[in-house]
Amino acid sequence: AVWTIFSIIGVRIKQELGLSETAFGLLVGTPILTGSLVRIVLGVWTDRYGGRLVYTMTMLAAAVATFLLAFAHTYEQMLTAALGVGLAGGSFAVGVAYVSRFFPAGKQGTALGIF
């Protein structure tokens, strides 16, 4: 849901800012790309620093970016907020590594499915 926030509200943003198809495509794709790439780093940090800390920091950063999105009035500001909003998509890697440690091997599939 977080990754597609710009495609949901994007028609209005595109009209208000007068964006070209390319600029709009970049805005819609930025959170997806950020979330996909940051998973690697977040997974390493989860192993190193623990899931609780990394997940909390990731969600706080994504919340700040989402809050700042409400005040974005230019394309550059929205693109910057999109980078931060994409962090929420990377949180999946943190949660999977964090949750699986609490359950024995036979129950990890169920726990990860619920997560």
PDB file of N, CA and C in Angstrom:
ATOM      1  N   ALA A   1       0.827  -1.199   0.000  1.00  0.00           N
ATOM      2  CA  ALA A   1       0.000   0.000   0.000  1.00  0.00           C
ATOM      3  C   ALA A   1       0.863   1.251   0.000  1.00  0.00           C
ATOM      4  N   VAL A   2       1.933   1.231   0.759  1.00  0.00           N
ATOM      5  CA  VAL A   2       2.798   2.405   0.831  1.00  0.00           C
ATOM      6  C   VAL A   2       3.465   2.670  -0.518  1.00  0.00           C
ATOM      7  N   TRP A   3       3.856   1.603  -1.183  1.00  0.00           N
ATOM      8  CA  TRP A   3       4.540   1.779  -2.464  1.00  0.00           C
ATOM      9  C   TRP A   3       3.638   2.407  -3.513  1.00  0.00           C
ATOM     10  N   THR A   4       2.353   2.176  -3.413  1.00  0.00           N
ATOM     11  CA  THR A   4       1.445   2.667  -4.451  1.00  0.00           C
ATOM     12  C   THR A   4       0.735   3.960  -4.061  1.00  0.00           C
ATOM     13  N   ILE A   5       1.172   4.609  -3.005  1.00  0.00           N
ATOM     14  CA  ILE A   5       0.501   5.829  -2.562  1.00  0.00           C
ATOM     15  C   ILE A   5       0.484   6.896  -3.655  1.00  0.00           C
ATOM     16  N   PHE A   6       1.550   6.982  -4.433  1.00  0.00           N
ATOM     17  CA  PHE A   6       1.607   8.015  -5.456  1.00  0.00           C
ATOM     18  C   PHE A   6       0.741   7.673  -6.664  1.00  0.00           C
ATOM     19  N   SER A   7       0.515   6.414  -6.917  1.00  0.00           N
ATOM     20  CA  SER A   7      -0.376   6.082  -8.026  1.00  0.00           C
ATOM     21  C   SER A   7      -1.833   6.287  -7.622  1.00  0.00           C
ATOM     22  N   ILE A   8      -2.131   6.210  -6.341  1.00  0.00           N
ATOM     23  CA  ILE A   8      -3.493   6.434  -5.865  1.00  0.00           C
ATOM     24  C   ILE A   8      -3.832   7.927  -5.915  1.00  0.00           C
ATOM     25  N   ILE A   9      -2.955   8.752  -5.386  1.00  0.00           N
ATOM     26  CA  ILE A   9      -3.196  10.197  -5.376  1.00  0.00           C
ATOM     27  C   ILE A   9      -2.494  10.889  -6.536  1.00  0.00           C
ATOM     28  N   GLY A  10      -1.887  10.104  -7.388  1.00  0.00           N
ATOM     29  CA  GLY A  10      -1.033  10.638  -8.440  1.00  0.00           C
ATOM     30  C   GLY A  10      -1.714  11.455  -9.505  1.00  0.00           C
ATOM     31  N   VAL A  11      -2.938  11.122  -9.840  1.00  0.00           N
ATOM     32  CA  VAL A  11      -3.629  11.862 -10.903  1.00  0.00           C
ATOM     33  C   VAL A  11      -3.757  13.329 -10.509  1.00  0.00           C
ATOM     34  N   ARG A  12      -4.112  13.537  -9.275  1.00  0.00           N
ATOM     35  CA  ARG A  12      -4.245  14.924  -8.796  1.00  0.00           C
ATOM     36  C   ARG A  12      -2.892  15.610  -8.707  1.00  0.00           C
ATOM     37  N   ILE A  13      -1.877  14.901  -8.213  1.00  0.00           N
ATOM     38  CA  ILE A  13      -0.525  15.471  -8.139  1.00  0.00           C
ATOM     39  C   ILE A  13      -0.034  15.819  -9.534  1.00  0.00           C
ATOM     40  N   LYS A  14      -0.267  14.937 -10.467  1.00  0.00           N
ATOM     41  CA  LYS A  14       0.167  15.164 -11.848  1.00  0.00           C
ATOM     42  C   LYS A  14      -0.486  16.414 -12.422  1.00  0.00           C
ATOM     43  N   GLN A  15      -1.760  16.601 -12.156  1.00  0.00           N
ATOM     44  CA  GLN A  15      -2.469  17.777 -12.640  1.00  0.00           C
ATOM     45  C   GLN A  15      -1.987  19.055 -11.961  1.00  0.00           C
ATOM     46  N   GLU A  16      -1.833  19.002 -10.640  1.00  0.00           N
ATOM     47  CA  GLU A  16      -1.440  20.197  -9.886  1.00  0.00           C
ATOM     48  C   GLU A  16      -0.038  20.669 -10.249  1.00  0.00           C
ATOM     49  N   LEU A  17       0.874  19.724 -10.439  1.00  0.00           N
ATOM     50  CA  LEU A  17       2.250  20.092 -10.733  1.00  0.00           C
ATOM     51  C   LEU A  17       2.542  20.142 -12.228  1.00  0.00           C
ATOM     52  N   GLY A  18       1.597  19.707 -13.036  1.00  0.00           N
ATOM     53  CA  GLY A  18       1.810  19.705 -14.480  1.00  0.00           C
ATOM     54  C   GLY A  18       2.941  18.788 -14.896  1.00  0.00           C
ATOM     55  N   LEU A  19       2.960  17.581 -14.359  1.00  0.00           N
ATOM     56  CA  LEU A  19       4.054  16.650 -14.606  1.00  0.00           C
ATOM     57  C   LEU A  19       3.897  15.953 -15.952  1.00  0.00           C
ATOM     58  N   SER A  20       5.029  15.680 -16.566  1.00  0.00           N
ATOM     59  CA  SER A  20       5.027  14.869 -17.783  1.00  0.00           C
ATOM     60  C   SER A  20       4.852  13.406 -17.386  1.00  0.00           C
ATOM     61  N   GLU A  21       4.631  12.557 -18.372  1.00  0.00           N
ATOM     62  CA  GLU A  21       4.495  11.120 -18.096  1.00  0.00           C
ATOM     63  C   GLU A  21       5.763  10.555 -17.475  1.00  0.00           C
ATOM     64  N   THR A  22       6.912  11.014 -17.954  1.00  0.00           N
ATOM     65  CA  THR A  22       8.194  10.535 -17.427  1.00  0.00           C
ATOM     66  C   THR A  22       8.391  10.954 -15.979  1.00  0.00           C
ATOM     67  N   ALA A  23       8.130  12.227 -15.687  1.00  0.00           N
ATOM     68  CA  ALA A  23       8.289  12.726 -14.311  1.00  0.00           C
ATOM     69  C   ALA A  23       7.322  12.014 -13.370  1.00  0.00           C
ATOM     70  N   PHE A  24       6.106  11.801 -13.827  1.00  0.00           N
ATOM     71  CA  PHE A  24       5.126  11.092 -13.000  1.00  0.00           C
ATOM     72  C   PHE A  24       5.535   9.645 -12.782  1.00  0.00           C
ATOM     73  N   GLY A  25       6.032   9.003 -13.821  1.00  0.00           N
ATOM     74  CA  GLY A  25       6.507   7.622 -13.689  1.00  0.00           C
ATOM     75  C   GLY A  25       7.651   7.504 -12.699  1.00  0.00           C
ATOM     76  N   LEU A  26       8.549   8.477 -12.705  1.00  0.00           N
ATOM     77  CA  LEU A  26       9.657   8.478 -11.746  1.00  0.00           C
ATOM     78  C   LEU A  26       9.135   8.649 -10.327  1.00  0.00           C
ATOM     79  N   LEU A  27       8.158   9.523 -10.154  1.00  0.00           N
ATOM     80  CA  LEU A  27       7.580   9.739  -8.831  1.00  0.00           C
ATOM     81  C   LEU A  27       6.897   8.478  -8.310  1.00  0.00           C
ATOM     82  N   VAL A  28       6.155   7.789  -9.171  1.00  0.00           N
ATOM     83  CA  VAL A  28       5.465   6.563  -8.769  1.00  0.00           C
ATOM     84  C   VAL A  28       6.465   5.435  -8.503  1.00  0.00           C
ATOM     85  N   GLY A  29       7.535   5.374  -9.290  1.00  0.00           N
ATOM     86  CA  GLY A  29       8.510   4.290  -9.159  1.00  0.00           C
ATOM     87  C   GLY A  29       9.527   4.466  -8.054  1.00  0.00           C
ATOM     88  N   THR A  30       9.733   5.687  -7.582  1.00  0.00           N
ATOM     89  CA  THR A  30      10.761   5.945  -6.570  1.00  0.00           C
ATOM     90  C   THR A  30      10.541   5.168  -5.276  1.00  0.00           C
ATOM     91  N   PRO A  31       9.365   5.158  -4.672  1.00  0.00           N
ATOM     92  CA  PRO A  31       9.196   4.372  -3.440  1.00  0.00           C
ATOM     93  C   PRO A  31       9.419   2.882  -3.650  1.00  0.00           C
ATOM     94  N   ILE A  32       9.011   2.374  -4.798  1.00  0.00           N
ATOM     95  CA  ILE A  32       9.183   0.953  -5.084  1.00  0.00           C
ATOM     96  C   ILE A  32      10.661   0.617  -5.200  1.00  0.00           C
ATOM     97  N   LEU A  33      11.397   1.434  -5.919  1.00  0.00           N
ATOM     98  CA  LEU A  33      12.834   1.213  -6.085  1.00  0.00           C
ATOM     99  C   LEU A  33      13.567   1.346  -4.757  1.00  0.00           C
ATOM    100  N   THR A  34      13.234   2.380  -4.001  1.00  0.00           N
ATOM    101  CA  THR A  34      13.874   2.581  -2.700  1.00  0.00           C
ATOM    102  C   THR A  34      13.622   1.387  -1.779  1.00  0.00           C
ATOM    103  N   GLY A  35      12.367   0.968  -1.692  1.00  0.00           N
ATOM    104  CA  GLY A  35      12.027  -0.159  -0.822  1.00  0.00           C
ATOM    105  C   GLY A  35      12.706  -1.444  -1.238  1.00  0.00           C
ATOM    106  N   SER A  36      12.833  -1.648  -2.539  1.00  0.00           N
ATOM    107  CA  SER A  36      13.475  -2.867  -3.026  1.00  0.00           C
ATOM    108  C   SER A  36      14.967  -2.881  -2.731  1.00  0.00           C
ATOM    109  N   LEU A  37      15.623  -1.764  -2.934  1.00  0.00           N
ATOM    110  CA  LEU A  37      17.071  -1.712  -2.743  1.00  0.00           C
ATOM    111  C   LEU A  37      17.481  -1.649  -1.272  1.00  0.00           C
ATOM    112  N   VAL A  38      16.675  -0.968  -0.466  1.00  0.00           N
ATOM    113  CA  VAL A  38      17.041  -0.788   0.939  1.00  0.00           C
ATOM    114  C   VAL A  38      16.866  -2.080   1.740  1.00  0.00           C
ATOM    115  N   ARG A  39      16.148  -3.049   1.195  1.00  0.00           N
ATOM    116  CA  ARG A  39      15.970  -4.336   1.892  1.00  0.00           C
ATOM    117  C   ARG A  39      17.300  -5.000   2.211  1.00  0.00           C
ATOM    118  N   ILE A  40      18.246  -4.883   1.319  1.00  0.00           N
ATOM    119  CA  ILE A  40      19.558  -5.509   1.539  1.00  0.00           C
ATOM    120  C   ILE A  40      20.219  -4.909   2.761  1.00  0.00           C
ATOM    121  N   VAL A  41      20.281  -3.593   2.801  1.00  0.00           N
ATOM    122  CA  VAL A  41      20.924  -2.895   3.920  1.00  0.00           C
ATOM    123  C   VAL A  41      20.171  -3.149   5.218  1.00  0.00           C
ATOM    124  N   LEU A  42      18.856  -3.063   5.163  1.00  0.00           N
ATOM    125  CA  LEU A  42      18.063  -3.284   6.380  1.00  0.00           C
ATOM    126  C   LEU A  42      18.212  -4.709   6.900  1.00  0.00           C
ATOM    127  N   GLY A  43      18.315  -5.674   6.014  1.00  0.00           N
ATOM    128  CA  GLY A  43      18.531  -7.058   6.441  1.00  0.00           C
ATOM    129  C   GLY A  43      19.863  -7.241   7.151  1.00  0.00           C
ATOM    130  N   VAL A  44      20.901  -6.615   6.621  1.00  0.00           N
ATOM    131  CA  VAL A  44      22.222  -6.681   7.257  1.00  0.00           C
ATOM    132  C   VAL A  44      22.178  -5.991   8.616  1.00  0.00           C
ATOM    133  N   TRP A  45      21.557  -4.817   8.669  1.00  0.00           N
ATOM    134  CA  TRP A  45      21.455  -4.102   9.939  1.00  0.00           C
ATOM    135  C   TRP A  45      20.635  -4.879  10.961  1.00  0.00           C
ATOM    136  N   THR A  46      19.625  -5.596  10.510  1.00  0.00           N
ATOM    137  CA  THR A  46      18.819  -6.404  11.428  1.00  0.00           C
ATOM    138  C   THR A  46      19.666  -7.496  12.063  1.00  0.00           C
ATOM    139  N   ASP A  47      20.489  -8.146  11.264  1.00  0.00           N
ATOM    140  CA  ASP A  47      21.380  -9.175  11.808  1.00  0.00           C
ATOM    141  C   ASP A  47      22.408  -8.580  12.766  1.00  0.00           C
ATOM    142  N   ARG A  48      22.850  -7.391  12.471  1.00  0.00           N
ATOM    143  CA  ARG A  48      23.903  -6.770  13.274  1.00  0.00           C
ATOM    144  C   ARG A  48      23.367  -6.087  14.528  1.00  0.00           C
ATOM    145  N   TYR A  49      22.281  -5.304  14.406  1.00  0.00           N
ATOM    146  CA  TYR A  49      21.814  -4.476  15.515  1.00  0.00           C
ATOM    147  C   TYR A  49      20.522  -4.960  16.166  1.00  0.00           C
ATOM    148  N   GLY A  50      19.864  -5.919  15.553  1.00  0.00           N
ATOM    149  CA  GLY A  50      18.621  -6.437  16.114  1.00  0.00           C
ATOM    150  C   GLY A  50      17.396  -5.858  15.426  1.00  0.00           C
ATOM    151  N   GLY A  51      16.389  -6.680  15.303  1.00  0.00           N
ATOM    152  CA  GLY A  51      15.184  -6.301  14.596  1.00  0.00           C
ATOM    153  C   GLY A  51      14.385  -5.197  15.255  1.00  0.00           C
ATOM    154  N   ARG A  52      14.345  -5.190  16.563  1.00  0.00           N
ATOM    155  CA  ARG A  52      13.545  -4.191  17.263  1.00  0.00           C
ATOM    156  C   ARG A  52      14.035  -2.778  16.971  1.00  0.00           C
ATOM    157  N   LEU A  53      15.335  -2.567  17.062  1.00  0.00           N
ATOM    158  CA  LEU A  53      15.902  -1.242  16.811  1.00  0.00           C
ATOM    159  C   LEU A  53      15.743  -0.841  15.349  1.00  0.00           C
ATOM    160  N   VAL A  54      16.096  -1.728  14.447  1.00  0.00           N
ATOM    161  CA  VAL A  54      16.049  -1.405  13.016  1.00  0.00           C
ATOM    162  C   VAL A  54      14.610  -1.189  12.565  1.00  0.00           C
ATOM    163  N   TYR A  55      13.685  -2.019  13.013  1.00  0.00           N
ATOM    164  CA  TYR A  55      12.282  -1.861  12.622  1.00  0.00           C
ATOM    165  C   TYR A  55      11.718  -0.543  13.151  1.00  0.00           C
ATOM    166  N   THR A  56      12.037  -0.215  14.387  1.00  0.00           N
ATOM    167  CA  THR A  56      11.566   1.040  14.973  1.00  0.00           C
ATOM    168  C   THR A  56      12.105   2.231  14.202  1.00  0.00           C
ATOM    169  N   MET A  57      13.398   2.224  13.905  1.00  0.00           N
ATOM    170  CA  MET A  57      14.003   3.334  13.168  1.00  0.00           C
ATOM    171  C   MET A  57      13.446   3.438  11.741  1.00  0.00           C
ATOM    172  N   THR A  58      13.218   2.291  11.121  1.00  0.00           N
ATOM    173  CA  THR A  58      12.664   2.280   9.764  1.00  0.00           C
ATOM    174  C   THR A  58      11.257   2.861   9.750  1.00  0.00           C
ATOM    175  N   MET A  59      10.433   2.445  10.696  1.00  0.00           N
ATOM    176  CA  MET A  59       9.059   2.948  10.744  1.00  0.00           C
ATOM    177  C   MET A  59       9.012   4.425  11.109  1.00  0.00           C
ATOM    178  N   LEU A  60       9.898   4.865  12.002  1.00  0.00           N
ATOM    179  CA  LEU A  60       9.943   6.294  12.337  1.00  0.00           C
ATOM    180  C   LEU A  60      10.360   7.128  11.125  1.00  0.00           C
ATOM    181  N   ALA A  61      11.356   6.662  10.388  1.00  0.00           N
ATOM    182  CA  ALA A  61      11.799   7.379   9.187  1.00  0.00           C
ATOM    183  C   ALA A  61      10.697   7.431   8.137  1.00  0.00           C
ATOM    184  N   ALA A  62       9.996   6.327   7.954  1.00  0.00           N
ATOM    185  CA  ALA A  62       8.892   6.296   6.984  1.00  0.00           C
ATOM    186  C   ALA A  62       7.744   7.195   7.447  1.00  0.00           C
ATOM    187  N   ALA A  63       7.477   7.234   8.743  1.00  0.00           N
ATOM    188  CA  ALA A  63       6.415   8.090   9.265  1.00  0.00           C
ATOM    189  C   ALA A  63       6.751   9.566   9.074  1.00  0.00           C
ATOM    190  N   VAL A  64       7.989   9.929   9.323  1.00  0.00           N
ATOM    191  CA  VAL A  64       8.424  11.313   9.110  1.00  0.00           C
ATOM    192  C   VAL A  64       8.292  11.684   7.634  1.00  0.00           C
ATOM    193  N   ALA A  65       8.720  10.795   6.749  1.00  0.00           N
ATOM    194  CA  ALA A  65       8.630  11.059   5.314  1.00  0.00           C
ATOM    195  C   ALA A  65       7.169  11.198   4.883  1.00  0.00           C
ATOM    196  N   THR A  66       6.298  10.374   5.421  1.00  0.00           N
ATOM    197  CA  THR A  66       4.880  10.452   5.091  1.00  0.00           C
ATOM    198  C   THR A  66       4.277  11.751   5.611  1.00  0.00           C
ATOM    199  N   PHE A  67       4.668  12.160   6.802  1.00  0.00           N
ATOM    200  CA  PHE A  67       4.208  13.429   7.368  1.00  0.00           C
ATOM    201  C   PHE A  67       4.677  14.600   6.511  1.00  0.00           C
ATOM    202  N   LEU A  68       5.952  14.575   6.115  1.00  0.00           N
ATOM    203  CA  LEU A  68       6.488  15.653   5.290  1.00  0.00           C
ATOM    204  C   LEU A  68       5.840  15.702   3.912  1.00  0.00           C
ATOM    205  N   LEU A  69       5.354  14.572   3.449  1.00  0.00           N
ATOM    206  CA  LEU A  69       4.671  14.528   2.159  1.00  0.00           C
ATOM    207  C   LEU A  69       3.441  15.439   2.154  1.00  0.00           C
ATOM    208  N   ALA A  70       2.807  15.582   3.307  1.00  0.00           N
ATOM    209  CA  ALA A  70       1.636  16.447   3.404  1.00  0.00           C
ATOM    210  C   ALA A  70       1.991  17.915   3.169  1.00  0.00           C
ATOM    211  N   PHE A  71       3.257  18.265   3.363  1.00  0.00           N
ATOM    212  CA  PHE A  71       3.695  19.646   3.201  1.00  0.00           C
ATOM    213  C   PHE A  71       4.497  19.873   1.927  1.00  0.00           C
ATOM    214  N   ALA A  72       4.612  18.857   1.109  1.00  0.00           N
ATOM    215  CA  ALA A  72       5.374  18.972  -0.135  1.00  0.00           C
ATOM    216  C   ALA A  72       4.537  19.714  -1.180  1.00  0.00           C
ATOM    217  N   HIS A  73       5.152  20.725  -1.789  1.00  0.00           N
ATOM    218  CA  HIS A  73       4.451  21.517  -2.791  1.00  0.00           C
ATOM    219  C   HIS A  73       5.156  21.514  -4.136  1.00  0.00           C
ATOM    220  N   THR A  74       6.384  21.025  -4.172  1.00  0.00           N
ATOM    221  CA  THR A  74       7.125  20.978  -5.430  1.00  0.00           C
ATOM    222  C   THR A  74       7.428  19.531  -5.781  1.00  0.00           C
ATOM    223  N   TYR A  75       7.785  19.334  -7.031  1.00  0.00           N
ATOM    224  CA  TYR A  75       8.120  17.987  -7.488  1.00  0.00           C
ATOM    225  C   TYR A  75       9.326  17.440  -6.730  1.00  0.00           C
ATOM    226  N   GLU A  76      10.320  18.268  -6.504  1.00  0.00           N
ATOM    227  CA  GLU A  76      11.531  17.831  -5.808  1.00  0.00           C
ATOM    228  C   GLU A  76      11.220  17.405  -4.376  1.00  0.00           C
ATOM    229  N   GLN A  77      10.341  18.142  -3.709  1.00  0.00           N
ATOM    230  CA  GLN A  77       9.963  17.783  -2.344  1.00  0.00           C
ATOM    231  C   GLN A  77       9.206  16.454  -2.324  1.00  0.00           C
ATOM    232  N   MET A  78       8.333  16.255  -3.294  1.00  0.00           N
ATOM    233  CA  MET A  78       7.588  14.992  -3.352  1.00  0.00           C
ATOM    234  C   MET A  78       8.502  13.827  -3.683  1.00  0.00           C
ATOM    235  N   LEU A  79       9.483  14.052  -4.549  1.00  0.00           N
ATOM    236  CA  LEU A  79      10.433  13.004  -4.895  1.00  0.00           C
ATOM    237  C   LEU A  79      11.281  12.625  -3.676  1.00  0.00           C
ATOM    238  N   THR A  80      11.686  13.623  -2.906  1.00  0.00           N
ATOM    239  CA  THR A  80      12.452  13.363  -1.685  1.00  0.00           C
ATOM    240  C   THR A  80      11.605  12.594  -0.669  1.00  0.00           C
ATOM    241  N   ALA A  81      10.351  12.998  -0.508  1.00  0.00           N
ATOM    242  CA  ALA A  81       9.462  12.283   0.405  1.00  0.00           C
ATOM    243  C   ALA A  81       9.227  10.856  -0.084  1.00  0.00           C
ATOM    244  N   ALA A  82       9.163  10.678  -1.398  1.00  0.00           N
ATOM    245  CA  ALA A  82       8.963   9.337  -1.961  1.00  0.00           C
ATOM    246  C   ALA A  82      10.122   8.411  -1.604  1.00  0.00           C
ATOM    247  N   LEU A  83      11.321   8.960  -1.553  1.00  0.00           N
ATOM    248  CA  LEU A  83      12.474   8.149  -1.128  1.00  0.00           C
ATOM    249  C   LEU A  83      12.274   7.637   0.292  1.00  0.00           C
ATOM    250  N   GLY A  84      11.822   8.506   1.181  1.00  0.00           N
ATOM    251  CA  GLY A  84      11.592   8.102   2.567  1.00  0.00           C
ATOM    252  C   GLY A  84      10.406   7.180   2.737  1.00  0.00           C
ATOM    253  N   VAL A  85       9.343   7.418   1.981  1.00  0.00           N
ATOM    254  CA  VAL A  85       8.157   6.571   2.060  1.00  0.00           C
ATOM    255  C   VAL A  85       8.501   5.147   1.611  1.00  0.00           C
ATOM    256  N   GLY A  86       9.402   5.014   0.677  1.00  0.00           N
ATOM    257  CA  GLY A  86       9.820   3.700   0.201  1.00  0.00           C
ATOM    258  C   GLY A  86      10.483   2.844   1.263  1.00  0.00           C
ATOM    259  N   LEU A  87      10.992   3.475   2.308  1.00  0.00           N
ATOM    260  CA  LEU A  87      11.609   2.706   3.395  1.00  0.00           C
ATOM    261  C   LEU A  87      10.620   1.738   4.035  1.00  0.00           C
ATOM    262  N   ALA A  88       9.357   2.116   4.067  1.00  0.00           N
ATOM    263  CA  ALA A  88       8.352   1.235   4.664  1.00  0.00           C
ATOM    264  C   ALA A  88       8.282  -0.096   3.927  1.00  0.00           C
ATOM    265  N   GLY A  89       8.490  -0.077   2.629  1.00  0.00           N
ATOM    266  CA  GLY A  89       8.490  -1.317   1.862  1.00  0.00           C
ATOM    267  C   GLY A  89       9.658  -2.217   2.212  1.00  0.00           C
ATOM    268  N   GLY A  90      10.765  -1.613   2.587  1.00  0.00           N
ATOM    269  CA  GLY A  90      11.932  -2.391   2.984  1.00  0.00           C
ATOM    270  C   GLY A  90      11.803  -3.010   4.361  1.00  0.00           C
ATOM    271  N   SER A  91      10.819  -2.557   5.117  1.00  0.00           N
ATOM    272  CA  SER A  91      10.656  -3.083   6.474  1.00  0.00           C
ATOM    273  C   SER A  91      10.276  -4.556   6.477  1.00  0.00           C
ATOM    274  N   PHE A  92       9.787  -5.059   5.359  1.00  0.00           N
ATOM    275  CA  PHE A  92       9.433  -6.474   5.279  1.00  0.00           C
ATOM    276  C   PHE A  92      10.649  -7.354   5.579  1.00  0.00           C
ATOM    277  N   ALA A  93      11.811  -6.972   5.057  1.00  0.00           N
ATOM    278  CA  ALA A  93      13.029  -7.754   5.296  1.00  0.00           C
ATOM    279  C   ALA A  93      13.402  -7.748   6.772  1.00  0.00           C
ATOM    280  N   VAL A  94      13.157  -6.645   7.439  1.00  0.00           N
ATOM    281  CA  VAL A  94      13.460  -6.562   8.873  1.00  0.00           C
ATOM    282  C   VAL A  94      12.519  -7.467   9.649  1.00  0.00           C
ATOM    283  N   GLY A  95      11.240  -7.383   9.361  1.00  0.00           N
ATOM    284  CA  GLY A  95      10.252  -8.169  10.086  1.00  0.00           C
ATOM    285  C   GLY A  95      10.426  -9.657   9.911  1.00  0.00           C
ATOM    286  N   VAL A  96      10.737 -10.091   8.709  1.00  0.00           N
ATOM    287  CA  VAL A  96      10.927 -11.517   8.451  1.00  0.00           C
ATOM    288  C   VAL A  96      12.093 -12.059   9.270  1.00  0.00           C
ATOM    289  N   ALA A  97      13.197 -11.341   9.267  1.00  0.00           N
ATOM    290  CA  ALA A  97      14.369 -11.789  10.031  1.00  0.00           C
ATOM    291  C   ALA A  97      14.102 -11.740  11.533  1.00  0.00           C
ATOM    292  N   TYR A  98      13.342 -10.753  11.966  1.00  0.00           N
ATOM    293  CA  TYR A  98      13.076 -10.569  13.389  1.00  0.00           C
ATOM    294  C   TYR A  98      12.068 -11.591  13.917  1.00  0.00           C
ATOM    295  N   VAL A  99      10.983 -11.790  13.200  1.00  0.00           N
ATOM    296  CA  VAL A  99       9.917 -12.678  13.659  1.00  0.00           C
ATOM    297  C   VAL A  99      10.344 -14.139  13.646  1.00  0.00           C
ATOM    298  N   SER A 100      11.092 -14.550  12.648  1.00  0.00           N
ATOM    299  CA  SER A 100      11.441 -15.964  12.520  1.00  0.00           C
ATOM    300  C   SER A 100      12.291 -16.479  13.679  1.00  0.00           C
ATOM    301  N   ARG A 101      12.991 -15.603  14.349  1.00  0.00           N
ATOM    302  CA  ARG A 101      13.838 -16.035  15.474  1.00  0.00           C
ATOM    303  C   ARG A 101      13.043 -16.445  16.709  1.00  0.00           C
ATOM    304  N   PHE A 102      11.787 -16.041  16.785  1.00  0.00           N
ATOM    305  CA  PHE A 102      10.974 -16.336  17.960  1.00  0.00           C
ATOM    306  C   PHE A 102      10.291 -17.688  17.908  1.00  0.00           C
ATOM    307  N   PHE A 103      10.371 -18.363  16.785  1.00  0.00           N
ATOM    308  CA  PHE A 103       9.625 -19.605  16.609  1.00  0.00           C
ATOM    309  C   PHE A 103      10.553 -20.730  16.186  1.00  0.00           C
ATOM    310  N   PRO A 104      10.228 -21.963  16.595  1.00  0.00           N
ATOM    311  CA  PRO A 104      11.018 -23.105  16.144  1.00  0.00           C
ATOM    312  C   PRO A 104      10.829 -23.294  14.639  1.00  0.00           C
ATOM    313  N   ALA A 105      11.725 -24.030  14.029  1.00  0.00           N
ATOM    314  CA  ALA A 105      11.723 -24.198  12.571  1.00  0.00           C
ATOM    315  C   ALA A 105      10.382 -24.687  12.038  1.00  0.00           C
ATOM    316  N   GLY A 106       9.719 -25.556  12.757  1.00  0.00           N
ATOM    317  CA  GLY A 106       8.443 -26.103  12.306  1.00  0.00           C
ATOM    318  C   GLY A 106       7.297 -25.104  12.314  1.00  0.00           C
ATOM    319  N   LYS A 107       7.415 -24.021  13.060  1.00  0.00           N
ATOM    320  CA  LYS A 107       6.350 -23.020  13.168  1.00  0.00           C
ATOM    321  C   LYS A 107       6.687 -21.722  12.446  1.00  0.00           C
ATOM    322  N   GLN A 108       7.895 -21.607  11.904  1.00  0.00           N
ATOM    323  CA  GLN A 108       8.306 -20.348  11.274  1.00  0.00           C
ATOM    324  C   GLN A 108       7.456 -19.999  10.056  1.00  0.00           C
ATOM    325  N   GLY A 109       7.040 -20.954   9.290  1.00  0.00           N
ATOM    326  CA  GLY A 109       6.214 -20.687   8.107  1.00  0.00           C
ATOM    327  C   GLY A 109       4.901 -20.020   8.484  1.00  0.00           C
ATOM    328  N   THR A 110       4.269 -20.507   9.527  1.00  0.00           N
ATOM    329  CA  THR A 110       3.008 -19.914   9.980  1.00  0.00           C
ATOM    330  C   THR A 110       3.241 -18.514  10.502  1.00  0.00           C
ATOM    331  N   ALA A 111       4.291 -18.332  11.295  1.00  0.00           N
ATOM    332  CA  ALA A 111       4.587 -17.017  11.858  1.00  0.00           C
ATOM    333  C   ALA A 111       4.895 -16.004  10.761  1.00  0.00           C
ATOM    334  N   LEU A 112       5.682 -16.426   9.785  1.00  0.00           N
ATOM    335  CA  LEU A 112       6.026 -15.514   8.699  1.00  0.00           C
ATOM    336  C   LEU A 112       4.814 -15.242   7.817  1.00  0.00           C
ATOM    337  N   GLY A 113       3.946 -16.217   7.648  1.00  0.00           N
ATOM    338  CA  GLY A 113       2.721 -15.999   6.883  1.00  0.00           C
ATOM    339  C   GLY A 113       1.805 -14.994   7.538  1.00  0.00           C
ATOM    340  N   ILE A 114       1.718 -15.051   8.838  1.00  0.00           N
ATOM    341  CA  ILE A 114       0.895 -14.083   9.573  1.00  0.00           C
ATOM    342  C   ILE A 114       1.537 -12.709   9.513  1.00  0.00           C
ATOM    343  N   PHE A 115       2.861 -12.673   9.616  1.00  0.00           N
ATOM    344  CA  PHE A 115       3.554 -11.388   9.521  1.00  0.00           C
ATOM    345  C   PHE A 115       3.328 -10.765   8.166  1.00  0.00           C
TER     346      PHE A 115
END
